[in-house]
Amino acid sequence: MEHENQIQEFKKRDSQVMADMEAQVHKLREELINVNSQRKQQLVELGLLREEEKQRAARDHETAVNKLKAESEKMKIELKKTHAAETEMTLEKANSRLKQIEKEYTQKLAKSSQIIVELQTTISSLKEENSRQQLAADRRLQDVTQKFEDEKKQLIRDNDRAIKALQEELESRSNQVRCAEKKLQHKELESQEQVLCPLSLGWVVCLLSPSQGAYVFPVSIGMLWLQVAASSTPSWHKQQRGLLPHKTRSL
């Protein structure tokens, strides 16, 4: 029962460790999904910002050109009503103003192009950063998964060794019990040994040992079964208790 409790305890501890590792893997996957979602959202927002900047620059340029054209046409109509010199001077001023405006909007367009390039560079950097983070997260997830598998295999090996040790201990104790039972049976057989002594002429001669000699018992004619507990009770102890007669002669 104690071995079964230990095995159950090992299984319970392994289940808890596996559950903790699976929860950690699940948490890392959720963090990776959140990071990817944030990066995608940033890329979408930057793309929209770049497109909006391009459209705004185009609209401003078109509006300015249309405005200049309208002003130029208006000035031309007014100049036709005035002196030719004033008309020429006004046209020169208008052309100069138009060139100045075109220069300003060219500079603005160049600045917008620079902003677009910077946005594209930022998008590329974010993509590279996202790729690095994705790769790092994948490696971390792979490392955690590998660590989880290694710990799982180690726990299984530890459990197998513990179970094997318990089984070997149980088998050893069982062998000890069987050995003790065999020794007990052997002692019981020795204590219950049957000695058959034939009777002739009314006497029984029982040889105890070469040093102690033999004992002669006067009995009636027939066959007598004499049970002697040689291994459990010494002969000198039986003589002291009156169980054996006095020694008569040696063989």
Protein backbone atom coordinates (compact mmCIF):
# COMPACT_ATOMS: atom_id res chain seq x y z
CA MET A 1 0.00 0.00 0.00
CA GLU A 2 2.87 2.36 0.80
CA HIS A 3 4.47 1.69 -2.62
CA GLU A 4 1.18 2.39 -4.38
CA ASN A 5 0.84 5.69 -2.49
CA GLN A 6 4.36 6.67 -3.54
CA ILE A 7 3.60 5.84 -7.17
CA GLN A 8 0.39 7.88 -7.03
CA GLU A 9 2.31 10.77 -5.48
CA PHE A 10 4.87 10.66 -8.31
CA LYS A 11 2.11 10.63 -10.93
CA LYS A 12 0.32 13.53 -9.23
CA ARG A 13 3.51 15.61 -9.09
CA ASP A 14 4.30 14.87 -12.75
CA SER A 15 0.79 15.89 -13.79
CA GLN A 16 1.16 19.20 -11.92
CA VAL A 17 4.54 19.93 -13.57
CA MET A 18 3.14 19.11 -17.02
CA ALA A 19 0.11 21.34 -16.42
CA ASP A 20 2.35 24.25 -15.36
CA MET A 21 4.56 23.88 -18.44
CA GLU A 22 1.54 23.69 -20.76
CA ALA A 23 0.11 26.86 -19.16
CA GLN A 24 3.46 28.64 -19.72
CA VAL A 25 3.52 27.57 -23.39
CA HIS A 26 -0.08 28.76 -23.82
CA LYS A 27 0.79 32.12 -22.27
CA LEU A 28 3.81 32.58 -24.57
CA ARG A 29 1.66 31.81 -27.60
CA GLU A 30 -0.88 34.42 -26.55
CA GLU A 31 1.89 37.01 -26.06
CA LEU A 32 3.25 36.20 -29.53
CA ILE A 33 -0.20 36.63 -31.07
CA ASN A 34 -0.64 40.01 -29.33
CA VAL A 35 2.78 41.24 -30.53
CA ASN A 36 2.01 40.21 -34.10
CA SER A 37 -1.37 41.95 -33.97
CA GLN A 38 0.21 45.18 -32.70
CA ARG A 39 2.89 45.11 -35.43
CA LYS A 40 0.31 44.51 -38.14
CA GLN A 41 -1.82 47.36 -36.82
CA GLN A 42 1.19 49.70 -36.85
CA LEU A 43 2.03 48.73 -40.43
CA VAL A 44 -1.54 49.37 -41.54
CA GLU A 45 -1.60 52.76 -39.82
CA LEU A 46 1.73 53.78 -41.38
CA GLY A 47 0.52 52.71 -44.82
CA LEU A 48 -2.64 54.76 -44.42
CA LEU A 49 -0.60 57.74 -43.21
CA ARG A 50 1.71 57.52 -46.20
CA GLU A 51 -1.19 57.31 -48.66
CA GLU A 52 -2.95 60.18 -46.96
CA GLU A 53 0.22 62.33 -47.15
CA LYS A 54 0.59 61.61 -50.86
CA GLN A 55 -3.03 62.46 -51.57
CA ARG A 56 -2.86 65.64 -49.52
CA ALA A 57 0.30 66.79 -51.35
CA ALA A 58 -1.30 66.08 -54.72
CA ARG A 59 -4.46 67.94 -53.73
CA ASP A 60 -2.48 70.92 -52.46
CA HIS A 61 -0.44 71.05 -55.64
CA GLU A 62 -3.50 70.77 -57.84
CA THR A 63 -5.33 73.41 -55.83
CA ALA A 64 -2.38 75.77 -56.02
CA VAL A 65 -1.99 75.29 -59.76
CA ASN A 66 -5.69 75.81 -60.34
CA LYS A 67 -5.62 78.88 -58.15
CA LEU A 68 -2.63 80.27 -60.03
CA LYS A 69 -4.29 79.59 -63.34
CA ALA A 70 -7.43 81.33 -62.22
CA GLU A 71 -5.48 84.29 -60.91
CA SER A 72 -3.44 84.42 -64.10
CA GLU A 73 -6.51 84.41 -66.27
CA LYS A 74 -8.08 87.06 -64.10
CA MET A 75 -4.99 89.21 -64.27
CA LYS A 76 -4.78 88.78 -68.03
CA ILE A 77 -8.34 90.02 -68.44
CA GLU A 78 -7.67 93.02 -66.24
CA LEU A 79 -4.36 93.78 -67.94
CA LYS A 80 -5.99 93.88 -71.34
CA LYS A 81 -7.89 96.93 -70.15
CA THR A 82 -4.75 98.81 -69.08
CA HIS A 83 -1.64 100.05 -70.71
CA ALA A 84 0.60 97.64 -72.60
CA ALA A 85 3.59 98.50 -70.43
CA GLU A 86 1.64 97.96 -67.28
CA THR A 87 0.34 94.79 -68.80
CA GLU A 88 3.84 93.57 -69.54
CA MET A 89 5.04 94.55 -66.06
CA THR A 90 2.08 92.86 -64.47
CA LEU A 91 2.67 89.73 -66.50
CA GLU A 92 6.28 89.70 -65.43
CA LYS A 93 5.21 90.04 -61.83
CA ALA A 94 2.65 87.32 -62.32
CA ASN A 95 5.18 85.05 -63.95
CA SER A 96 7.64 85.79 -61.16
CA ARG A 97 4.96 85.08 -58.58
CA LEU A 98 3.99 81.93 -60.41
CA LYS A 99 7.59 80.77 -60.48
CA GLN A 100 7.92 81.55 -56.77
CA ILE A 101 4.78 79.59 -55.99
CA GLU A 102 5.93 76.70 -58.16
CA LYS A 103 9.27 76.78 -56.36
CA GLU A 104 7.55 76.73 -52.97
CA TYR A 105 5.32 73.84 -53.94
CA THR A 106 8.26 72.03 -55.48
CA GLN A 107 10.02 72.35 -52.15
CA LYS A 108 6.88 71.15 -50.36
CA LEU A 109 6.62 68.24 -52.77
CA ALA A 110 10.28 67.38 -52.14
CA LYS A 111 9.64 67.56 -48.41
CA SER A 112 6.60 65.33 -48.82
CA SER A 113 8.70 62.88 -50.84
CA GLN A 114 11.29 62.90 -48.06
CA ILE A 115 8.57 62.23 -45.50
CA ILE A 116 7.31 59.36 -47.65
CA VAL A 117 10.84 57.92 -47.87
CA GLU A 118 11.22 58.23 -44.10
CA LEU A 119 7.87 56.51 -43.60
CA GLN A 120 8.93 53.72 -45.94
CA THR A 121 12.20 53.39 -44.03
CA THR A 122 10.26 53.27 -40.76
CA ILE A 123 7.94 50.61 -42.19
CA SER A 124 10.94 48.54 -43.31
CA SER A 125 12.53 48.90 -39.88
CA LEU A 126 9.29 47.86 -38.20
CA LYS A 127 9.01 44.87 -40.51
CA GLU A 128 12.58 43.84 -39.70
CA GLU A 129 11.96 44.36 -35.98
CA ASN A 130 8.77 42.35 -36.24
CA SER A 131 10.66 39.57 -38.01
CA ARG A 132 13.36 39.57 -35.33
CA GLN A 133 10.78 39.51 -32.55
CA GLN A 134 8.88 36.77 -34.35
CA LEU A 135 12.07 34.74 -34.71
CA ALA A 136 13.02 35.35 -31.06
CA ALA A 137 9.53 34.38 -29.90
CA ASP A 138 9.62 31.24 -32.04
CA ARG A 139 13.02 30.31 -30.63
CA ARG A 140 11.84 30.98 -27.10
CA LEU A 141 8.74 28.88 -27.69
CA GLN A 142 10.89 26.12 -29.18
CA ASP A 143 13.28 26.26 -26.21
CA VAL A 144 10.42 26.13 -23.71
CA THR A 145 8.82 23.26 -25.61
CA GLN A 146 12.13 21.37 -25.76
CA LYS A 147 12.73 22.02 -22.06
CA PHE A 148 9.23 20.80 -21.30
CA GLU A 149 9.81 17.61 -23.31
CA ASP A 150 13.20 17.03 -21.66
CA GLU A 151 11.75 17.49 -18.16
CA LYS A 152 8.84 15.26 -19.08
CA LYS A 153 11.19 12.50 -20.26
CA GLN A 154 13.37 12.96 -17.15
CA LEU A 155 10.32 12.67 -14.89
CA ILE A 156 9.25 9.52 -16.72
CA ARG A 157 12.74 8.03 -16.30
CA ASP A 158 12.80 9.00 -12.61
CA ASN A 159 9.39 7.40 -12.10
CA ASP A 160 10.48 4.25 -13.91
CA ARG A 161 13.60 4.02 -11.72
CA ALA A 162 11.57 4.65 -8.56
CA ILE A 163 8.97 2.04 -9.56
CA LYS A 164 11.72 -0.44 -10.44
CA ALA A 165 13.45 0.18 -7.10
CA LEU A 166 10.16 -0.33 -5.24
CA GLN A 167 9.48 -3.52 -7.20
CA GLU A 168 13.00 -4.80 -6.47
CA GLU A 169 12.58 -3.98 -2.79
CA LEU A 170 9.19 -5.74 -2.77
CA GLU A 171 10.67 -8.78 -4.53
CA SER A 172 13.61 -8.83 -2.08
CA ARG A 173 11.27 -8.74 0.90
CA SER A 174 9.12 -11.46 -0.68
CA ASN A 175 12.23 -13.61 -1.13
CA GLN A 176 13.18 -12.99 2.51
CA VAL A 177 9.68 -14.04 3.60
CA ARG A 178 9.83 -17.20 1.45
CA CYS A 179 13.30 -18.00 2.80
CA ALA A 180 12.09 -17.54 6.38
CA GLU A 181 9.08 -19.78 5.67
CA LYS A 182 11.35 -22.49 4.24
CA LYS A 183 13.62 -22.30 7.29
CA LEU A 184 10.60 -22.54 9.58
CA GLN A 185 9.27 -25.57 7.67
CA HIS A 186 12.70 -27.18 7.82
CA LYS A 187 12.88 -26.70 11.58
CA GLU A 188 9.37 -28.09 12.00
CA LEU A 189 10.30 -31.15 9.96
CA GLU A 190 13.42 -31.67 12.05
CA SER A 191 11.44 -31.33 15.27
CA GLN A 192 8.88 -33.86 14.03
CA GLU A 193 11.34 -36.49 12.74
CA GLN A 194 10.05 -40.02 13.14
CA VAL A 195 12.41 -42.73 14.32
CA LEU A 196 11.25 -46.33 13.91
CA CYS A 197 12.78 -48.70 16.48
CA PRO A 198 12.08 -52.50 16.00
CA LEU A 199 11.34 -54.57 19.09
CA SER A 200 12.84 -58.02 19.75
CA LEU A 201 13.01 -60.08 22.89
CA GLY A 202 11.22 -57.40 24.85
CA TRP A 203 14.00 -54.78 24.52
CA VAL A 204 14.39 -51.52 22.56
CA VAL A 205 17.87 -50.19 21.87
CA CYS A 206 17.97 -46.51 20.81
CA LEU A 207 21.25 -45.02 19.62
CA LEU A 208 21.49 -41.35 20.60
CA SER A 209 25.06 -40.40 19.63
CA PRO A 210 28.52 -41.99 19.43
CA SER A 211 29.64 -40.22 22.58
CA GLN A 212 26.49 -40.75 24.63
CA GLY A 213 26.03 -44.43 23.75
CA ALA A 214 22.66 -46.20 23.66
CA TYR A 215 19.70 -46.64 25.99
CA VAL A 216 17.84 -49.94 26.47
CA PHE A 217 14.13 -49.92 27.26
CA PRO A 218 12.31 -53.08 28.49
CA VAL A 219 8.96 -53.26 26.68
CA SER A 220 6.48 -55.89 25.57
CA ILE A 221 6.87 -57.92 22.36
CA GLY A 222 5.58 -56.06 19.29
CA MET A 223 6.41 -52.95 17.29
CA LEU A 224 6.84 -49.58 18.95
CA TRP A 225 6.90 -46.14 17.27
CA LEU A 226 9.08 -43.86 19.28
CA GLN A 227 9.01 -40.13 18.44
CA VAL A 228 12.21 -38.42 19.42
CA ALA A 229 12.52 -34.61 19.16
CA ALA A 230 16.26 -34.73 18.59
CA SER A 231 16.68 -31.21 17.24
CA SER A 232 14.34 -29.34 19.57
CA THR A 233 15.01 -31.07 22.99
CA PRO A 234 18.51 -32.33 23.98
CA SER A 235 18.80 -35.81 25.49
CA TRP A 236 20.41 -34.51 28.67
CA HIS A 237 17.48 -32.19 29.18
CA LYS A 238 15.06 -35.17 28.77
CA GLN A 239 17.06 -37.18 31.32
CA GLN A 240 16.88 -34.31 33.79
CA ARG A 241 13.10 -34.16 33.28
CA GLY A 242 12.80 -37.99 33.69
CA LEU A 243 11.93 -38.67 30.06
CA LEU A 244 14.89 -41.05 29.43
CA PRO A 245 16.08 -44.01 31.58
CA HIS A 246 19.56 -44.26 32.98
CA LYS A 247 22.37 -45.18 30.61
CA THR A 248 23.11 -48.90 30.68
CA ARG A 249 25.96 -49.51 28.26
CA SER A 250 27.86 -48.07 25.32
CA LEU A 251 27.83 -49.52 21.88
